Amino acid sequence: MAKGIKTGGRGQGTPNRLTKELRAALKEIIFQEFAALPDRLDKLEPKDRIELLTKLLPYVLPKVESVIPGHGEPWDTDWS
């Protein structure tokens, strides 16, 4: 048998059935968890609720970078 010649298995471009089914199942679980999230948040202690929301925040809002005024800006002049 020649090396590097494909002789069996899925054809090129054929989706993997297991991966497709796994993604569908995980997607359903995620949707169910999101639907239950408000009730679960209400049951948490305020401290725990804030901690959880703080951990989830980066997935909703992008981080803002600090800007140092005058650093590399066109109006960066030495006033001394």
C-alpha atoms as a PDB file:
ATOM      1  CA  MET A   1       0.000   0.000   0.000  1.00  0.00           C
ATOM      2  CA  ALA A   2       1.366   3.430  -0.944  1.00  0.00           C
ATOM      3  CA  LYS A   3       2.052   5.832   1.869  1.00  0.00           C
ATOM      4  CA  GLY A   4      -0.152   8.962   2.096  1.00  0.00           C
ATOM      5  CA  ILE A   5      -3.102   7.613   0.102  1.00  0.00           C
ATOM      6  CA  LYS A   6      -6.447   7.772   1.892  1.00  0.00           C
ATOM      7  CA  THR A   7      -8.287   4.461   1.642  1.00  0.00           C
ATOM      8  CA  GLY A   8     -11.312   4.867   3.904  1.00  0.00           C
ATOM      9  CA  GLY A   9     -13.179   6.978   6.433  1.00  0.00           C
ATOM     10  CA  ARG A  10     -15.157  10.147   5.802  1.00  0.00           C
ATOM     11  CA  GLY A  11     -14.755  11.830   2.466  1.00  0.00           C
ATOM     12  CA  GLN A  12     -13.304  15.316   2.301  1.00  0.00           C
ATOM     13  CA  GLY A  13     -15.851  17.960   3.321  1.00  0.00           C
ATOM     14  CA  THR A  14     -18.197  15.473   4.998  1.00  0.00           C
ATOM     15  CA  PRO A  15     -19.179  16.811   8.435  1.00  0.00           C
ATOM     16  CA  ASN A  16     -18.415  14.711  11.490  1.00  0.00           C
ATOM     17  CA  ARG A  17     -21.788  13.435  12.779  1.00  0.00           C
ATOM     18  CA  LEU A  18     -20.602  13.106  16.382  1.00  0.00           C
ATOM     19  CA  THR A  19     -19.301  16.683  16.460  1.00  0.00           C
ATOM     20  CA  LYS A  20     -22.577  17.969  14.991  1.00  0.00           C
ATOM     21  CA  GLU A  21     -24.648  16.071  17.573  1.00  0.00           C
ATOM     22  CA  LEU A  22     -22.377  17.136  20.436  1.00  0.00           C
ATOM     23  CA  ARG A  23     -22.625  20.808  19.437  1.00  0.00           C
ATOM     24  CA  ALA A  24     -26.408  20.585  19.225  1.00  0.00           C
ATOM     25  CA  ALA A  25     -26.608  18.992  22.694  1.00  0.00           C
ATOM     26  CA  LEU A  26     -24.255  21.566  24.241  1.00  0.00           C
ATOM     27  CA  LYS A  27     -26.162  24.398  22.571  1.00  0.00           C
ATOM     28  CA  GLU A  28     -29.416  23.153  24.131  1.00  0.00           C
ATOM     29  CA  ILE A  29     -27.797  22.901  27.585  1.00  0.00           C
ATOM     30  CA  ILE A  30     -26.426  26.456  27.300  1.00  0.00           C
ATOM     31  CA  PHE A  31     -29.852  27.816  26.276  1.00  0.00           C
ATOM     32  CA  GLN A  32     -31.474  26.080  29.264  1.00  0.00           C
ATOM     33  CA  GLU A  33     -28.847  27.492  31.633  1.00  0.00           C
ATOM     34  CA  PHE A  34     -29.318  31.019  30.280  1.00  0.00           C
ATOM     35  CA  ALA A  35     -33.078  30.716  30.750  1.00  0.00           C
ATOM     36  CA  ALA A  36     -32.562  29.652  34.389  1.00  0.00           C
ATOM     37  CA  LEU A  37     -29.917  32.309  35.124  1.00  0.00           C
ATOM     38  CA  PRO A  38     -32.227  35.051  36.521  1.00  0.00           C
ATOM     39  CA  ASP A  39     -33.798  32.640  39.045  1.00  0.00           C
ATOM     40  CA  ARG A  40     -30.402  31.324  40.088  1.00  0.00           C
ATOM     41  CA  LEU A  41     -28.992  34.834  40.488  1.00  0.00           C
ATOM     42  CA  ASP A  42     -31.925  35.760  42.735  1.00  0.00           C
ATOM     43  CA  LYS A  43     -31.114  32.821  45.025  1.00  0.00           C
ATOM     44  CA  LEU A  44     -27.466  33.862  45.490  1.00  0.00           C
ATOM     45  CA  GLU A  45     -26.225  35.987  48.343  1.00  0.00           C
ATOM     46  CA  PRO A  46     -25.471  39.577  47.186  1.00  0.00           C
ATOM     47  CA  LYS A  47     -21.717  39.030  47.622  1.00  0.00           C
ATOM     48  CA  ASP A  48     -21.782  35.851  45.501  1.00  0.00           C
ATOM     49  CA  ARG A  49     -24.029  37.485  42.886  1.00  0.00           C
ATOM     50  CA  ILE A  50     -21.621  40.408  42.465  1.00  0.00           C
ATOM     51  CA  GLU A  51     -18.651  38.023  42.260  1.00  0.00           C
ATOM     52  CA  LEU A  52     -20.343  35.958  39.534  1.00  0.00           C
ATOM     53  CA  LEU A  53     -21.425  39.005  37.541  1.00  0.00           C
ATOM     54  CA  THR A  54     -17.893  40.418  37.781  1.00  0.00           C
ATOM     55  CA  LYS A  55     -16.522  37.177  36.335  1.00  0.00           C
ATOM     56  CA  LEU A  56     -19.069  37.216  33.489  1.00  0.00           C
ATOM     57  CA  LEU A  57     -18.591  40.900  32.643  1.00  0.00           C
ATOM     58  CA  PRO A  58     -15.564  40.447  30.312  1.00  0.00           C
ATOM     59  CA  TYR A  59     -17.684  38.184  28.098  1.00  0.00           C
ATOM     60  CA  VAL A  60     -20.269  40.943  27.617  1.00  0.00           C
ATOM     61  CA  LEU A  61     -18.304  44.193  27.629  1.00  0.00           C
ATOM     62  CA  PRO A  62     -14.836  44.694  26.137  1.00  0.00           C
ATOM     63  CA  LYS A  63     -12.043  45.779  28.439  1.00  0.00           C
ATOM     64  CA  VAL A  64     -11.105  49.443  28.178  1.00  0.00           C
ATOM     65  CA  GLU A  65      -7.426  50.259  27.966  1.00  0.00           C
ATOM     66  CA  SER A  66      -5.937  53.007  30.084  1.00  0.00           C
ATOM     67  CA  VAL A  67      -4.961  56.128  28.187  1.00  0.00           C
ATOM     68  CA  ILE A  68      -2.060  58.186  29.422  1.00  0.00           C
ATOM     69  CA  PRO A  69      -2.681  61.817  28.374  1.00  0.00           C
ATOM     70  CA  GLY A  70       0.116  63.280  26.329  1.00  0.00           C
ATOM     71  CA  HIS A  71       1.903  59.994  25.757  1.00  0.00           C
ATOM     72  CA  GLY A  72       2.545  59.913  21.993  1.00  0.00           C
ATOM     73  CA  GLU A  73      -0.204  62.431  21.270  1.00  0.00           C
ATOM     74  CA  PRO A  74       0.300  65.263  18.771  1.00  0.00           C
ATOM     75  CA  TRP A  75      -0.144  67.840  21.551  1.00  0.00           C
ATOM     76  CA  ASP A  76       2.623  66.176  23.571  1.00  0.00           C
ATOM     77  CA  THR A  77       4.886  69.163  24.154  1.00  0.00           C
ATOM     78  CA  ASP A  78       7.353  69.907  26.862  1.00  0.00           C
ATOM     79  CA  TRP A  79       5.909  72.893  28.736  1.00  0.00           C
ATOM     80  CA  SER A  80       8.844  73.214  31.140  1.00  0.00           C
END
